[in-house]
Amino acid sequence: MASSKKQSRRAKATTSTRRRKPCFFCKEGIEQVDYKDFTTLRRFMSERGKIRSRRTTGACRRHQRQVSVAIKLARELALLPYATR
């Protein structure tokens, strides 16, 4: 009986009532993420130059993948920095 109480407490603690952020690109109707739009890509990077996770940005799986590829391409073309000081 005591073990069932512990399980129910854990179940309550792990379930979250938070809503996910809507995907910025889906909301704006953008199909393809453009690597040349570095102002938009900066929203998906930290101050140190790292790519932020889906959990933080709220992007859907498809657009998060496109964002990461676009950021990497923009870094190669020197539109975005690899890291900041």
C-alpha atoms as a PDB file:
ATOM      1  CA  MET A   1       0.000   0.000   0.000  1.00  0.00           C
ATOM      2  CA  ALA A   2       2.830   2.399   0.809  1.00  0.00           C
ATOM      3  CA  SER A   3       4.465   1.783  -2.563  1.00  0.00           C
ATOM      4  CA  SER A   4       1.288   2.745  -4.441  1.00  0.00           C
ATOM      5  CA  LYS A   5       1.233   6.103  -2.653  1.00  0.00           C
ATOM      6  CA  LYS A   6       4.807   6.787  -3.716  1.00  0.00           C
ATOM      7  CA  GLN A   7       4.002   5.925  -7.314  1.00  0.00           C
ATOM      8  CA  SER A   8       1.023   8.261  -7.408  1.00  0.00           C
ATOM      9  CA  ARG A   9       3.108  11.107  -5.982  1.00  0.00           C
ATOM     10  CA  ARG A  10       5.758  10.567  -8.628  1.00  0.00           C
ATOM     11  CA  ALA A  11       3.154  10.490 -11.355  1.00  0.00           C
ATOM     12  CA  LYS A  12       1.727  13.792 -10.167  1.00  0.00           C
ATOM     13  CA  ALA A  13       5.168  15.367  -9.946  1.00  0.00           C
ATOM     14  CA  THR A  14       6.191  14.358 -13.468  1.00  0.00           C
ATOM     15  CA  THR A  15       3.012  15.383 -15.271  1.00  0.00           C
ATOM     16  CA  SER A  16       3.140  18.990 -16.324  1.00  0.00           C
ATOM     17  CA  THR A  17       0.282  21.353 -17.029  1.00  0.00           C
ATOM     18  CA  ARG A  18       2.457  23.826 -18.904  1.00  0.00           C
ATOM     19  CA  ARG A  19       1.581  24.548 -22.489  1.00  0.00           C
ATOM     20  CA  ARG A  20       4.243  24.343 -25.161  1.00  0.00           C
ATOM     21  CA  LYS A  21       5.195  27.532 -26.934  1.00  0.00           C
ATOM     22  CA  PRO A  22       3.839  27.698 -30.478  1.00  0.00           C
ATOM     23  CA  CYS A  23       6.408  27.286 -33.246  1.00  0.00           C
ATOM     24  CA  PHE A  24       7.471  30.716 -34.535  1.00  0.00           C
ATOM     25  CA  PHE A  25       7.759  29.512 -38.135  1.00  0.00           C
ATOM     26  CA  CYS A  26       4.459  27.624 -38.169  1.00  0.00           C
ATOM     27  CA  LYS A  27       2.714  30.634 -36.651  1.00  0.00           C
ATOM     28  CA  GLU A  28       4.177  32.974 -39.302  1.00  0.00           C
ATOM     29  CA  GLY A  29       3.490  30.518 -42.128  1.00  0.00           C
ATOM     30  CA  ILE A  30       7.166  30.116 -43.057  1.00  0.00           C
ATOM     31  CA  GLU A  31       7.781  26.818 -44.861  1.00  0.00           C
ATOM     32  CA  GLN A  32      11.566  26.950 -45.246  1.00  0.00           C
ATOM     33  CA  VAL A  33      14.075  28.577 -42.871  1.00  0.00           C
ATOM     34  CA  ASP A  34      16.460  30.862 -44.757  1.00  0.00           C
ATOM     35  CA  TYR A  35      20.138  30.914 -43.767  1.00  0.00           C
ATOM     36  CA  LYS A  36      20.495  34.503 -45.038  1.00  0.00           C
ATOM     37  CA  ASP A  37      17.961  35.800 -42.506  1.00  0.00           C
ATOM     38  CA  PHE A  38      20.499  35.965 -39.690  1.00  0.00           C
ATOM     39  CA  THR A  39      18.399  38.337 -37.560  1.00  0.00           C
ATOM     40  CA  THR A  40      15.763  35.632 -37.196  1.00  0.00           C
ATOM     41  CA  LEU A  41      18.402  32.955 -36.648  1.00  0.00           C
ATOM     42  CA  ARG A  42      19.899  34.985 -33.783  1.00  0.00           C
ATOM     43  CA  ARG A  43      16.688  34.381 -31.812  1.00  0.00           C
ATOM     44  CA  PHE A  44      17.557  30.696 -31.803  1.00  0.00           C
ATOM     45  CA  MET A  45      21.100  31.187 -30.526  1.00  0.00           C
ATOM     46  CA  SER A  46      22.345  31.898 -27.013  1.00  0.00           C
ATOM     47  CA  GLU A  47      24.547  34.861 -26.153  1.00  0.00           C
ATOM     48  CA  ARG A  48      27.548  32.531 -26.332  1.00  0.00           C
ATOM     49  CA  GLY A  49      26.676  31.418 -29.875  1.00  0.00           C
ATOM     50  CA  LYS A  50      25.180  28.013 -29.072  1.00  0.00           C
ATOM     51  CA  ILE A  51      22.040  26.730 -30.785  1.00  0.00           C
ATOM     52  CA  ARG A  52      19.136  26.710 -28.331  1.00  0.00           C
ATOM     53  CA  SER A  53      17.079  23.558 -27.860  1.00  0.00           C
ATOM     54  CA  ARG A  54      13.518  22.965 -29.025  1.00  0.00           C
ATOM     55  CA  ARG A  55      12.376  23.022 -25.447  1.00  0.00           C
ATOM     56  CA  THR A  56      13.695  26.560 -25.023  1.00  0.00           C
ATOM     57  CA  THR A  57      12.724  28.020 -28.395  1.00  0.00           C
ATOM     58  CA  GLY A  58       9.369  26.292 -28.819  1.00  0.00           C
ATOM     59  CA  ALA A  59      10.102  25.356 -32.430  1.00  0.00           C
ATOM     60  CA  CYS A  60       8.566  22.205 -33.860  1.00  0.00           C
ATOM     61  CA  ARG A  61      10.790  19.280 -34.791  1.00  0.00           C
ATOM     62  CA  ARG A  62      10.829  20.096 -38.504  1.00  0.00           C
ATOM     63  CA  HIS A  63      11.669  23.754 -38.111  1.00  0.00           C
ATOM     64  CA  GLN A  64      14.225  23.169 -35.335  1.00  0.00           C
ATOM     65  CA  ARG A  65      16.123  20.891 -37.703  1.00  0.00           C
ATOM     66  CA  GLN A  66      15.984  23.541 -40.436  1.00  0.00           C
ATOM     67  CA  VAL A  67      17.146  26.204 -37.964  1.00  0.00           C
ATOM     68  CA  SER A  68      20.163  24.170 -36.899  1.00  0.00           C
ATOM     69  CA  VAL A  69      21.191  23.489 -40.512  1.00  0.00           C
ATOM     70  CA  ALA A  70      20.663  27.163 -41.430  1.00  0.00           C
ATOM     71  CA  ILE A  71      22.751  28.364 -38.458  1.00  0.00           C
ATOM     72  CA  LYS A  72      25.562  25.985 -39.356  1.00  0.00           C
ATOM     73  CA  LEU A  73      25.504  27.172 -42.971  1.00  0.00           C
ATOM     74  CA  ALA A  74      25.407  30.831 -41.914  1.00  0.00           C
ATOM     75  CA  ARG A  75      28.427  30.192 -39.663  1.00  0.00           C
ATOM     76  CA  GLU A  76      30.334  28.694 -42.595  1.00  0.00           C
ATOM     77  CA  LEU A  77      29.569  31.770 -44.692  1.00  0.00           C
ATOM     78  CA  ALA A  78      30.587  34.078 -41.805  1.00  0.00           C
ATOM     79  CA  LEU A  79      27.103  35.545 -41.394  1.00  0.00           C
ATOM     80  CA  LEU A  80      26.953  34.310 -37.793  1.00  0.00           C
ATOM     81  CA  PRO A  81      29.786  33.774 -35.315  1.00  0.00           C
ATOM     82  CA  TYR A  82      30.780  30.347 -34.016  1.00  0.00           C
ATOM     83  CA  ALA A  83      31.308  31.801 -30.546  1.00  0.00           C
ATOM     84  CA  THR A  84      31.472  35.192 -28.875  1.00  0.00           C
ATOM     85  CA  ARG A  85      33.931  36.499 -26.342  1.00  0.00           C
END
